[in-house]
């Protein structure tokens, strides 16, 4: 039996992922002030020096974490938006993912972004624009399907969905249920 050989770059990709996952764990448990590179290395089961093979410093690590987790979320959203399913099924799936993503970060996202760079606003706006583009695509497809009123602006409706699906003030399931009701009654012809 031949020994298993990892494809080139697979081990380094796994180490980088382990470092990012360890960073997120520590942020969840101890917040930004508790994030120490020694602890990241210990949890990721790598040497402290290994972290610096992938990330220049703590700011670079945090910036990479935000980007990696955000783009992973956008890939999930893209899958939902492009499913062959009715508009409201896709909208609900998208909002479930959005609320889960918000719960995962529990208010840390903006703090991490601020720690990662002097003025994260343009960078965050750039990241957020991709989400808005996906929402706009969803709204347009809903209009083509006849599930969304044709006179609504897809761009403005995308911004409304983004704004409403962002900070649940109620328990998540109740919030989602109510949000879906608002959208069904508010945007359906």
N, C-alpha and C. Protein backbone atom coordinates (compact mmCIF):
# COMPACT_ATOMS: atom_id res chain seq x y z
N UNK A 1 0.84 -1.19 0.00
CA UNK A 1 0.00 0.00 0.00
C UNK A 1 0.88 1.24 0.00
N UNK A 2 0.64 2.14 -0.94
CA UNK A 2 1.45 3.35 -1.06
C UNK A 2 1.13 4.32 0.07
N UNK A 3 2.14 5.06 0.49
CA UNK A 3 1.93 6.07 1.54
C UNK A 3 1.14 7.23 0.94
N UNK A 4 0.27 7.81 1.77
CA UNK A 4 -0.52 8.95 1.32
C UNK A 4 0.39 10.18 1.25
N UNK A 5 0.35 10.85 0.14
CA UNK A 5 1.15 12.05 -0.04
C UNK A 5 0.19 13.22 -0.20
N UNK A 6 0.43 14.27 0.56
CA UNK A 6 -0.43 15.46 0.47
C UNK A 6 -0.07 16.23 -0.79
N UNK A 7 -1.08 16.80 -1.45
CA UNK A 7 -0.77 17.64 -2.61
C UNK A 7 0.06 18.84 -2.19
N UNK A 8 0.89 19.39 -3.11
CA UNK A 8 1.72 20.55 -2.75
C UNK A 8 0.86 21.68 -2.19
N UNK A 9 1.32 22.26 -1.10
CA UNK A 9 0.61 23.39 -0.51
C UNK A 9 -0.52 23.00 0.44
N UNK A 10 -0.89 21.71 0.47
CA UNK A 10 -2.01 21.29 1.32
C UNK A 10 -1.70 21.47 2.80
N UNK A 11 -0.49 21.07 3.20
CA UNK A 11 -0.14 21.20 4.61
C UNK A 11 -0.09 22.67 5.02
N UNK A 12 0.49 23.52 4.18
CA UNK A 12 0.56 24.93 4.55
C UNK A 12 -0.84 25.54 4.61
N UNK A 13 -1.73 25.10 3.72
CA UNK A 13 -3.11 25.59 3.74
C UNK A 13 -3.79 25.15 5.04
N UNK A 14 -3.55 23.91 5.47
CA UNK A 14 -4.12 23.40 6.71
C UNK A 14 -3.60 24.18 7.92
N UNK A 15 -2.29 24.48 7.92
CA UNK A 15 -1.71 25.25 9.03
C UNK A 15 -2.32 26.65 9.08
N UNK A 16 -2.43 27.28 7.93
CA UNK A 16 -3.00 28.63 7.88
C UNK A 16 -4.44 28.59 8.39
N UNK A 17 -5.21 27.60 7.94
CA UNK A 17 -6.60 27.47 8.40
C UNK A 17 -6.64 27.24 9.91
N UNK A 18 -5.75 26.40 10.42
CA UNK A 18 -5.71 26.12 11.86
C UNK A 18 -5.40 27.39 12.65
N UNK A 19 -4.50 28.21 12.13
CA UNK A 19 -4.15 29.47 12.80
C UNK A 19 -5.35 30.40 12.82
N UNK A 20 -6.06 30.51 11.69
CA UNK A 20 -7.25 31.38 11.62
C UNK A 20 -8.35 30.87 12.55
N UNK A 21 -8.58 29.56 12.57
CA UNK A 21 -9.62 28.98 13.45
C UNK A 21 -9.26 29.22 14.92
N UNK A 22 -7.99 29.03 15.27
CA UNK A 22 -7.55 29.24 16.66
C UNK A 22 -7.76 30.72 17.05
N UNK A 23 -7.47 31.61 16.12
CA UNK A 23 -7.64 33.04 16.37
C UNK A 23 -9.11 33.35 16.66
N UNK A 24 -10.01 32.81 15.84
CA UNK A 24 -11.43 33.05 16.03
C UNK A 24 -11.91 32.49 17.38
N UNK A 25 -11.44 31.29 17.73
CA UNK A 25 -11.80 30.68 19.03
C UNK A 25 -11.41 31.61 20.18
N UNK A 26 -10.18 32.09 20.13
CA UNK A 26 -9.68 32.95 21.21
C UNK A 26 -10.47 34.26 21.26
N UNK A 27 -10.76 34.82 20.10
CA UNK A 27 -11.55 36.06 20.06
C UNK A 27 -12.92 35.85 20.70
N UNK A 28 -13.55 34.71 20.40
CA UNK A 28 -14.87 34.41 20.97
C UNK A 28 -14.80 34.27 22.48
N UNK A 29 -13.76 33.58 22.94
CA UNK A 29 -13.64 33.29 24.38
C UNK A 29 -13.15 34.48 25.19
N UNK A 30 -12.15 35.19 24.65
CA UNK A 30 -11.47 36.21 25.46
C UNK A 30 -11.53 37.61 24.89
N UNK A 31 -12.10 37.75 23.70
CA UNK A 31 -12.16 39.07 23.08
C UNK A 31 -10.80 39.47 22.52
N UNK A 32 -10.79 40.64 21.98
CA UNK A 32 -9.60 41.16 21.32
C UNK A 32 -8.42 41.32 22.28
N UNK A 33 -8.72 41.76 23.50
CA UNK A 33 -7.64 41.99 24.47
C UNK A 33 -6.97 40.68 24.89
N UNK A 34 -7.67 39.56 24.74
CA UNK A 34 -7.10 38.27 25.12
C UNK A 34 -6.33 37.58 24.01
N UNK A 35 -6.26 38.21 22.85
CA UNK A 35 -5.59 37.58 21.71
C UNK A 35 -4.08 37.74 21.80
N UNK A 36 -3.40 36.64 22.10
CA UNK A 36 -1.94 36.62 22.19
C UNK A 36 -1.43 35.60 21.17
N UNK A 37 -0.36 35.96 20.46
CA UNK A 37 0.17 35.10 19.41
C UNK A 37 0.63 33.75 19.97
N UNK A 38 1.15 33.74 21.19
CA UNK A 38 1.59 32.48 21.81
C UNK A 38 0.41 31.52 21.95
N UNK A 39 -0.74 32.08 22.38
CA UNK A 39 -1.94 31.25 22.57
C UNK A 39 -2.48 30.76 21.22
N UNK A 40 -2.43 31.61 20.20
CA UNK A 40 -2.85 31.20 18.86
C UNK A 40 -2.00 30.02 18.41
N UNK A 41 -0.69 30.14 18.56
CA UNK A 41 0.24 29.07 18.15
C UNK A 41 -0.06 27.78 18.91
N UNK A 42 -0.27 27.90 20.22
CA UNK A 42 -0.55 26.71 21.04
C UNK A 42 -1.81 26.00 20.56
N UNK A 43 -2.88 26.76 20.36
CA UNK A 43 -4.15 26.16 19.94
C UNK A 43 -4.11 25.62 18.51
N UNK A 44 -3.35 26.28 17.66
CA UNK A 44 -3.25 25.83 16.27
C UNK A 44 -2.25 24.68 16.14
N UNK A 45 -1.54 24.40 17.24
CA UNK A 45 -0.53 23.34 17.28
C UNK A 45 0.58 23.59 16.26
N UNK A 46 1.05 24.84 16.27
CA UNK A 46 2.18 25.23 15.43
C UNK A 46 3.14 26.03 16.30
N UNK A 47 4.37 26.18 15.83
CA UNK A 47 5.32 27.03 16.54
C UNK A 47 4.93 28.48 16.33
N UNK A 48 5.27 29.34 17.29
CA UNK A 48 4.92 30.76 17.17
C UNK A 48 5.50 31.35 15.88
N UNK A 49 6.71 30.93 15.53
CA UNK A 49 7.35 31.43 14.30
C UNK A 49 6.57 31.06 13.04
N UNK A 50 5.85 29.94 13.10
CA UNK A 50 5.06 29.49 11.94
C UNK A 50 4.00 30.52 11.59
N UNK A 51 3.42 31.15 12.61
CA UNK A 51 2.39 32.17 12.36
C UNK A 51 2.94 33.25 11.43
N UNK A 52 4.22 33.61 11.67
CA UNK A 52 4.82 34.71 10.91
C UNK A 52 5.23 34.30 9.50
N UNK A 53 5.12 33.02 9.19
CA UNK A 53 5.32 32.58 7.80
C UNK A 53 4.10 32.96 6.96
N UNK A 54 2.94 33.06 7.62
CA UNK A 54 1.68 33.34 6.93
C UNK A 54 1.18 34.76 7.13
N UNK A 55 1.53 35.36 8.26
CA UNK A 55 1.00 36.68 8.62
C UNK A 55 2.14 37.56 9.12
N UNK A 56 2.18 38.81 8.64
CA UNK A 56 3.25 39.73 9.05
C UNK A 56 3.22 40.02 10.55
N UNK A 57 2.01 40.23 11.07
CA UNK A 57 1.85 40.59 12.47
C UNK A 57 0.39 40.33 12.87
N UNK A 58 0.04 40.75 14.07
CA UNK A 58 -1.32 40.51 14.56
C UNK A 58 -2.36 41.21 13.69
N UNK A 59 -2.06 42.43 13.24
CA UNK A 59 -2.99 43.17 12.37
C UNK A 59 -3.24 42.40 11.08
N UNK A 60 -2.20 41.87 10.49
CA UNK A 60 -2.32 41.10 9.24
C UNK A 60 -3.15 39.83 9.49
N UNK A 61 -2.92 39.19 10.62
CA UNK A 61 -3.68 37.99 10.99
C UNK A 61 -5.17 38.33 11.12
N UNK A 62 -5.49 39.43 11.80
CA UNK A 62 -6.88 39.83 11.99
C UNK A 62 -7.54 40.21 10.66
N UNK A 63 -6.81 40.94 9.83
CA UNK A 63 -7.34 41.33 8.51
C UNK A 63 -7.63 40.07 7.68
N UNK A 64 -6.72 39.12 7.72
CA UNK A 64 -6.91 37.87 6.98
C UNK A 64 -8.11 37.08 7.52
N UNK A 65 -8.27 37.09 8.84
CA UNK A 65 -9.40 36.38 9.45
C UNK A 65 -10.72 36.99 8.98
N UNK A 66 -10.82 38.31 9.02
CA UNK A 66 -12.05 38.97 8.58
C UNK A 66 -12.32 38.65 7.11
N UNK A 67 -11.28 38.76 6.28
CA UNK A 67 -11.46 38.49 4.85
C UNK A 67 -11.85 37.04 4.59
N UNK A 68 -11.15 36.12 5.23
CA UNK A 68 -11.41 34.70 5.00
C UNK A 68 -12.83 34.32 5.41
N UNK A 69 -13.24 34.75 6.61
CA UNK A 69 -14.57 34.40 7.10
C UNK A 69 -15.66 35.11 6.29
N UNK A 70 -15.40 36.34 5.89
CA UNK A 70 -16.37 37.10 5.11
C UNK A 70 -16.56 36.47 3.74
N UNK A 71 -15.47 36.13 3.06
CA UNK A 71 -15.59 35.52 1.72
C UNK A 71 -16.20 34.13 1.80
N UNK A 72 -15.94 33.39 2.88
CA UNK A 72 -16.59 32.08 3.05
C UNK A 72 -18.10 32.28 3.18
N UNK A 73 -18.50 33.29 3.94
CA UNK A 73 -19.93 33.63 4.09
C UNK A 73 -20.52 34.01 2.74
N UNK A 74 -19.81 34.85 1.96
CA UNK A 74 -20.33 35.27 0.66
C UNK A 74 -20.48 34.09 -0.30
N UNK A 75 -19.57 33.13 -0.22
CA UNK A 75 -19.71 31.93 -1.08
C UNK A 75 -20.99 31.17 -0.72
N UNK A 76 -21.28 31.09 0.58
CA UNK A 76 -22.52 30.42 1.02
C UNK A 76 -23.74 31.19 0.53
N UNK A 77 -23.70 32.52 0.63
CA UNK A 77 -24.80 33.37 0.19
C UNK A 77 -25.00 33.21 -1.32
N UNK A 78 -23.91 33.19 -2.05
CA UNK A 78 -23.98 33.03 -3.51
C UNK A 78 -24.68 31.72 -3.88
N UNK A 79 -24.34 30.65 -3.16
CA UNK A 79 -25.00 29.36 -3.40
C UNK A 79 -26.51 29.47 -3.20
N UNK A 80 -26.92 30.12 -2.13
CA UNK A 80 -28.34 30.28 -1.83
C UNK A 80 -29.03 31.12 -2.90
N UNK A 81 -28.42 32.26 -3.24
CA UNK A 81 -29.01 33.17 -4.23
C UNK A 81 -29.22 32.46 -5.57
N UNK A 82 -28.29 31.59 -5.94
CA UNK A 82 -28.33 30.95 -7.27
C UNK A 82 -29.02 29.60 -7.29
N UNK A 83 -29.59 29.19 -6.15
CA UNK A 83 -30.36 27.94 -6.11
C UNK A 83 -31.57 28.04 -7.04
N UNK A 84 -32.00 26.90 -7.53
CA UNK A 84 -33.25 26.85 -8.31
C UNK A 84 -34.37 26.63 -7.29
N UNK A 85 -34.76 27.71 -6.64
CA UNK A 85 -35.80 27.64 -5.61
C UNK A 85 -36.57 28.95 -5.66
N UNK A 86 -37.81 28.96 -5.14
CA UNK A 86 -38.59 30.20 -5.12
C UNK A 86 -37.88 31.31 -4.33
N UNK A 87 -38.17 32.54 -4.70
CA UNK A 87 -37.54 33.72 -4.09
C UNK A 87 -37.58 33.68 -2.57
N UNK A 88 -38.75 33.46 -1.99
CA UNK A 88 -38.86 33.55 -0.52
C UNK A 88 -38.13 32.41 0.19
N UNK A 89 -38.00 31.27 -0.45
CA UNK A 89 -37.21 30.17 0.11
C UNK A 89 -35.73 30.59 0.14
N UNK A 90 -35.29 31.19 -0.97
CA UNK A 90 -33.89 31.64 -1.03
C UNK A 90 -33.64 32.80 -0.06
N UNK A 91 -34.59 33.73 0.02
CA UNK A 91 -34.44 34.86 0.95
C UNK A 91 -34.32 34.36 2.38
N UNK A 92 -35.18 33.44 2.77
CA UNK A 92 -35.12 32.90 4.13
C UNK A 92 -33.79 32.17 4.38
N UNK A 93 -33.35 31.38 3.41
CA UNK A 93 -32.06 30.69 3.54
C UNK A 93 -30.91 31.67 3.71
N UNK A 94 -30.96 32.73 2.93
CA UNK A 94 -29.92 33.76 3.00
C UNK A 94 -29.93 34.44 4.37
N UNK A 95 -31.12 34.81 4.83
CA UNK A 95 -31.21 35.50 6.13
C UNK A 95 -30.78 34.58 7.28
N UNK A 96 -31.09 33.29 7.19
CA UNK A 96 -30.62 32.34 8.22
C UNK A 96 -29.10 32.34 8.28
N UNK A 97 -28.47 32.30 7.11
CA UNK A 97 -27.00 32.31 7.06
C UNK A 97 -26.46 33.63 7.61
N UNK A 98 -27.10 34.73 7.27
CA UNK A 98 -26.67 36.05 7.72
C UNK A 98 -26.75 36.15 9.25
N UNK A 99 -27.87 35.70 9.81
CA UNK A 99 -28.03 35.78 11.27
C UNK A 99 -27.05 34.85 11.98
N UNK A 100 -26.76 33.70 11.39
CA UNK A 100 -25.77 32.78 11.98
C UNK A 100 -24.38 33.41 11.93
N UNK A 101 -24.08 34.08 10.83
CA UNK A 101 -22.78 34.74 10.69
C UNK A 101 -22.63 35.85 11.71
N UNK A 102 -23.70 36.60 11.93
CA UNK A 102 -23.67 37.67 12.93
C UNK A 102 -23.49 37.08 14.33
N UNK A 103 -24.19 35.97 14.59
CA UNK A 103 -24.05 35.31 15.90
C UNK A 103 -22.62 34.81 16.10
N UNK A 104 -22.00 34.31 15.02
CA UNK A 104 -20.63 33.81 15.11
C UNK A 104 -19.68 34.92 15.55
N UNK A 105 -19.87 36.12 15.02
CA UNK A 105 -18.97 37.23 15.33
C UNK A 105 -19.35 37.98 16.59
N UNK A 106 -20.64 37.92 16.98
CA UNK A 106 -21.11 38.58 18.22
C UNK A 106 -20.49 39.96 18.45
N UNK A 107 -20.59 40.81 17.47
CA UNK A 107 -20.10 42.17 17.64
C UNK A 107 -18.60 42.34 17.52
N UNK A 108 -17.87 41.25 17.29
CA UNK A 108 -16.41 41.34 17.20
C UNK A 108 -15.92 41.87 15.86
N UNK A 109 -16.73 41.69 14.82
CA UNK A 109 -16.28 41.97 13.44
C UNK A 109 -15.72 43.37 13.30
N UNK A 110 -16.49 44.38 13.70
CA UNK A 110 -16.05 45.77 13.56
C UNK A 110 -14.82 46.04 14.43
N UNK A 111 -14.80 45.49 15.64
CA UNK A 111 -13.65 45.70 16.53
C UNK A 111 -12.40 45.08 15.94
N UNK A 112 -12.53 43.88 15.39
CA UNK A 112 -11.39 43.20 14.77
C UNK A 112 -10.92 44.00 13.56
N UNK A 113 -11.85 44.48 12.75
CA UNK A 113 -11.50 45.27 11.57
C UNK A 113 -10.78 46.56 11.98
N UNK A 114 -11.26 47.21 13.04
CA UNK A 114 -10.61 48.44 13.51
C UNK A 114 -9.19 48.16 14.00
N UNK A 115 -9.03 47.01 14.65
CA UNK A 115 -7.71 46.62 15.15
C UNK A 115 -6.77 46.27 13.99
N UNK A 116 -7.34 45.76 12.90
CA UNK A 116 -6.54 45.31 11.76
C UNK A 116 -5.96 46.47 10.96
N UNK A 117 -6.61 47.63 10.98
CA UNK A 117 -6.11 48.77 10.20
C UNK A 117 -6.59 50.09 10.76
N UNK A 118 -5.87 51.15 10.40
CA UNK A 118 -6.19 52.50 10.88
C UNK A 118 -7.64 52.89 10.59
N UNK A 119 -8.01 52.90 9.30
CA UNK A 119 -9.37 53.26 8.92
C UNK A 119 -9.95 52.13 8.09
N UNK A 120 -10.68 51.23 8.74
CA UNK A 120 -11.19 50.06 8.01
C UNK A 120 -12.41 50.37 7.14
N UNK A 121 -12.96 51.58 7.22
CA UNK A 121 -14.22 51.88 6.54
C UNK A 121 -14.21 51.58 5.04
N UNK A 122 -13.23 52.08 4.27
CA UNK A 122 -13.26 51.78 2.83
C UNK A 122 -13.14 50.28 2.54
N UNK A 123 -12.30 49.61 3.31
CA UNK A 123 -12.09 48.17 3.16
C UNK A 123 -13.38 47.41 3.47
N UNK A 124 -14.03 47.75 4.59
CA UNK A 124 -15.27 47.09 4.98
C UNK A 124 -16.38 47.38 3.97
N UNK A 125 -16.43 48.62 3.46
CA UNK A 125 -17.44 48.96 2.45
C UNK A 125 -17.23 48.12 1.20
N UNK A 126 -15.96 47.94 0.83
CA UNK A 126 -15.64 47.11 -0.33
C UNK A 126 -16.10 45.67 -0.14
N UNK A 127 -15.85 45.13 1.04
CA UNK A 127 -16.30 43.77 1.34
C UNK A 127 -17.83 43.70 1.32
N UNK A 128 -18.47 44.68 1.94
CA UNK A 128 -19.93 44.69 2.06
C UNK A 128 -20.60 44.85 0.69
N UNK A 129 -19.94 45.54 -0.23
CA UNK A 129 -20.52 45.76 -1.55
C UNK A 129 -20.81 44.43 -2.25
N UNK A 130 -19.94 43.45 -2.04
CA UNK A 130 -20.17 42.14 -2.67
C UNK A 130 -21.47 41.52 -2.16
N UNK A 131 -21.72 41.66 -0.87
CA UNK A 131 -22.96 41.15 -0.27
C UNK A 131 -24.16 41.88 -0.88
N UNK A 132 -24.06 43.21 -0.99
CA UNK A 132 -25.15 43.99 -1.59
C UNK A 132 -25.41 43.58 -3.04
N UNK A 133 -24.35 43.30 -3.79
CA UNK A 133 -24.50 42.86 -5.18
C UNK A 133 -25.25 41.53 -5.24
N UNK A 134 -24.94 40.62 -4.32
CA UNK A 134 -25.64 39.32 -4.28
C UNK A 134 -27.11 39.51 -3.93
N UNK A 135 -27.40 40.40 -2.98
CA UNK A 135 -28.79 40.68 -2.61
C UNK A 135 -29.55 41.29 -3.78
N UNK A 136 -28.89 42.17 -4.51
CA UNK A 136 -29.51 42.79 -5.68
C UNK A 136 -29.84 41.72 -6.74
N UNK A 137 -28.91 40.80 -6.91
CA UNK A 137 -29.14 39.68 -7.85
C UNK A 137 -30.36 38.86 -7.40
N UNK A 138 -30.48 38.62 -6.10
CA UNK A 138 -31.61 37.88 -5.56
C UNK A 138 -32.92 38.62 -5.84
N UNK A 139 -32.95 39.93 -5.58
CA UNK A 139 -34.16 40.73 -5.79
C UNK A 139 -34.55 40.72 -7.27
N UNK A 140 -33.58 40.91 -8.15
CA UNK A 140 -33.87 40.89 -9.60
C UNK A 140 -34.48 39.54 -10.01
N UNK A 141 -33.91 38.45 -9.49
CA UNK A 141 -34.44 37.14 -9.84
C UNK A 141 -35.85 36.97 -9.26
N UNK A 142 -36.10 37.56 -8.10
CA UNK A 142 -37.44 37.54 -7.51
C UNK A 142 -38.44 38.30 -8.36
N UNK A 143 -37.98 39.40 -8.95
CA UNK A 143 -38.84 40.17 -9.85
C UNK A 143 -39.13 39.38 -11.13
N UNK A 144 -38.11 38.72 -11.67
CA UNK A 144 -38.30 37.91 -12.88
C UNK A 144 -39.28 36.77 -12.61
N UNK A 145 -39.25 36.25 -11.41
CA UNK A 145 -40.12 35.14 -11.00
C UNK A 145 -41.54 35.63 -10.71
N UNK A 146 -41.71 36.95 -10.52
CA UNK A 146 -43.03 37.49 -10.20
C UNK A 146 -43.33 37.49 -8.71
N UNK A 147 -42.31 37.24 -7.88
CA UNK A 147 -42.50 37.19 -6.43
C UNK A 147 -42.25 38.54 -5.77
N UNK A 148 -41.58 39.45 -6.50
CA UNK A 148 -41.26 40.77 -5.96
C UNK A 148 -41.84 41.82 -6.91
N UNK A 149 -42.47 42.82 -6.34
CA UNK A 149 -43.09 43.88 -7.15
C UNK A 149 -42.08 44.46 -8.13
N UNK A 150 -42.46 44.60 -9.40
CA UNK A 150 -41.52 45.08 -10.42
C UNK A 150 -41.10 46.54 -10.26
N UNK A 151 -41.92 47.34 -9.56
CA UNK A 151 -41.57 48.75 -9.43
C UNK A 151 -40.54 49.02 -8.34
N UNK A 152 -40.22 48.00 -7.54
CA UNK A 152 -39.21 48.20 -6.49
C UNK A 152 -37.82 48.26 -7.11
N UNK A 153 -36.99 49.16 -6.61
CA UNK A 153 -35.60 49.24 -7.06
C UNK A 153 -34.83 48.06 -6.47
N UNK A 154 -34.20 47.23 -7.32
CA UNK A 154 -33.42 46.11 -6.79
C UNK A 154 -32.29 46.57 -5.86
N UNK A 155 -31.65 47.69 -6.22
CA UNK A 155 -30.54 48.19 -5.40
C UNK A 155 -31.04 48.64 -4.03
N UNK A 156 -32.10 49.45 -4.00
CA UNK A 156 -32.63 49.95 -2.72
C UNK A 156 -33.18 48.79 -1.89
N UNK A 157 -33.85 47.84 -2.53
CA UNK A 157 -34.40 46.68 -1.81
C UNK A 157 -33.26 45.85 -1.22
N UNK A 158 -32.16 45.70 -1.97
CA UNK A 158 -30.99 44.97 -1.46
C UNK A 158 -30.46 45.65 -0.19
N UNK A 159 -30.41 46.98 -0.20
CA UNK A 159 -29.93 47.72 0.98
C UNK A 159 -30.88 47.53 2.17
N UNK A 160 -32.18 47.49 1.90
CA UNK A 160 -33.16 47.28 2.97
C UNK A 160 -32.98 45.88 3.57
N UNK A 161 -32.84 44.88 2.72
CA UNK A 161 -32.64 43.50 3.21
C UNK A 161 -31.37 43.43 4.05
N UNK A 162 -30.30 44.06 3.57
CA UNK A 162 -29.03 44.05 4.30
C UNK A 162 -29.18 44.72 5.66
N UNK A 163 -29.90 45.84 5.69
CA UNK A 163 -30.06 46.58 6.95
C UNK A 163 -30.93 45.82 7.95
N UNK A 164 -32.02 45.25 7.46
CA UNK A 164 -32.95 44.56 8.37
C UNK A 164 -32.39 43.22 8.84
N UNK A 165 -31.62 42.57 7.99
CA UNK A 165 -31.09 41.26 8.38
C UNK A 165 -29.75 41.38 9.04
N UNK A 166 -29.63 42.31 9.98
CA UNK A 166 -28.30 42.47 10.55
C UNK A 166 -28.19 42.51 12.06
N UNK A 167 -29.17 43.02 12.78
CA UNK A 167 -29.03 43.00 14.24
C UNK A 167 -30.33 42.59 14.90
N UNK A 168 -30.51 41.31 15.08
CA UNK A 168 -31.76 40.85 15.70
C UNK A 168 -31.90 41.35 17.14
N UNK A 169 -33.04 41.97 17.42
CA UNK A 169 -33.30 42.45 18.78
C UNK A 169 -34.10 41.41 19.56
N UNK A 170 -34.59 40.40 18.85
CA UNK A 170 -35.35 39.32 19.46
C UNK A 170 -34.54 38.04 19.36
N UNK A 171 -35.08 36.97 19.91
CA UNK A 171 -34.47 35.65 19.73
C UNK A 171 -34.44 35.41 18.22
N UNK A 172 -33.35 34.82 17.72
CA UNK A 172 -33.09 34.72 16.28
C UNK A 172 -34.25 34.10 15.48
N UNK A 173 -34.82 33.00 15.96
CA UNK A 173 -35.92 32.35 15.21
C UNK A 173 -37.14 33.27 15.10
N UNK A 174 -37.48 33.92 16.20
CA UNK A 174 -38.63 34.83 16.19
C UNK A 174 -38.36 36.02 15.27
N UNK A 175 -37.15 36.52 15.32
CA UNK A 175 -36.75 37.64 14.46
C UNK A 175 -36.85 37.25 12.99
N UNK A 176 -36.31 36.08 12.66
CA UNK A 176 -36.33 35.60 11.27
C UNK A 176 -37.77 35.42 10.79
N UNK A 177 -38.60 34.81 11.63
CA UNK A 177 -40.00 34.58 11.28
C UNK A 177 -40.71 35.92 11.00
N UNK A 178 -40.48 36.89 11.87
CA UNK A 178 -41.12 38.19 11.70
C UNK A 178 -40.58 38.92 10.47
N UNK A 179 -39.28 38.85 10.28
CA UNK A 179 -38.66 39.48 9.12
C UNK A 179 -39.22 38.91 7.82
N UNK A 180 -39.38 37.59 7.76
CA UNK A 180 -39.93 36.96 6.57
C UNK A 180 -41.37 37.41 6.34
N UNK A 181 -42.11 37.56 7.41
CA UNK A 181 -43.50 38.03 7.30
C UNK A 181 -43.54 39.46 6.75
N UNK A 182 -42.65 40.31 7.25
CA UNK A 182 -42.57 41.69 6.76
C UNK A 182 -42.23 41.70 5.28
N UNK A 183 -41.26 40.90 4.88
CA UNK A 183 -40.88 40.86 3.47
C UNK A 183 -42.00 40.29 2.60
N UNK A 184 -42.65 39.22 3.06
CA UNK A 184 -43.74 38.62 2.26
C UNK A 184 -44.87 39.61 2.03
N UNK A 185 -45.27 40.29 3.08
CA UNK A 185 -46.39 41.22 2.97
C UNK A 185 -45.94 42.54 2.33
N UNK A 186 -44.66 42.89 2.52
CA UNK A 186 -44.18 44.18 2.05
C UNK A 186 -43.67 44.19 0.62
N UNK A 187 -43.19 43.06 0.11
CA UNK A 187 -42.63 43.08 -1.24
C UNK A 187 -43.40 42.20 -2.22
N UNK A 188 -44.27 41.35 -1.71
CA UNK A 188 -45.02 40.48 -2.63
C UNK A 188 -46.10 41.29 -3.34
N UNK A 189 -46.35 41.00 -4.63
CA UNK A 189 -47.38 41.75 -5.37
C UNK A 189 -48.77 41.51 -4.80
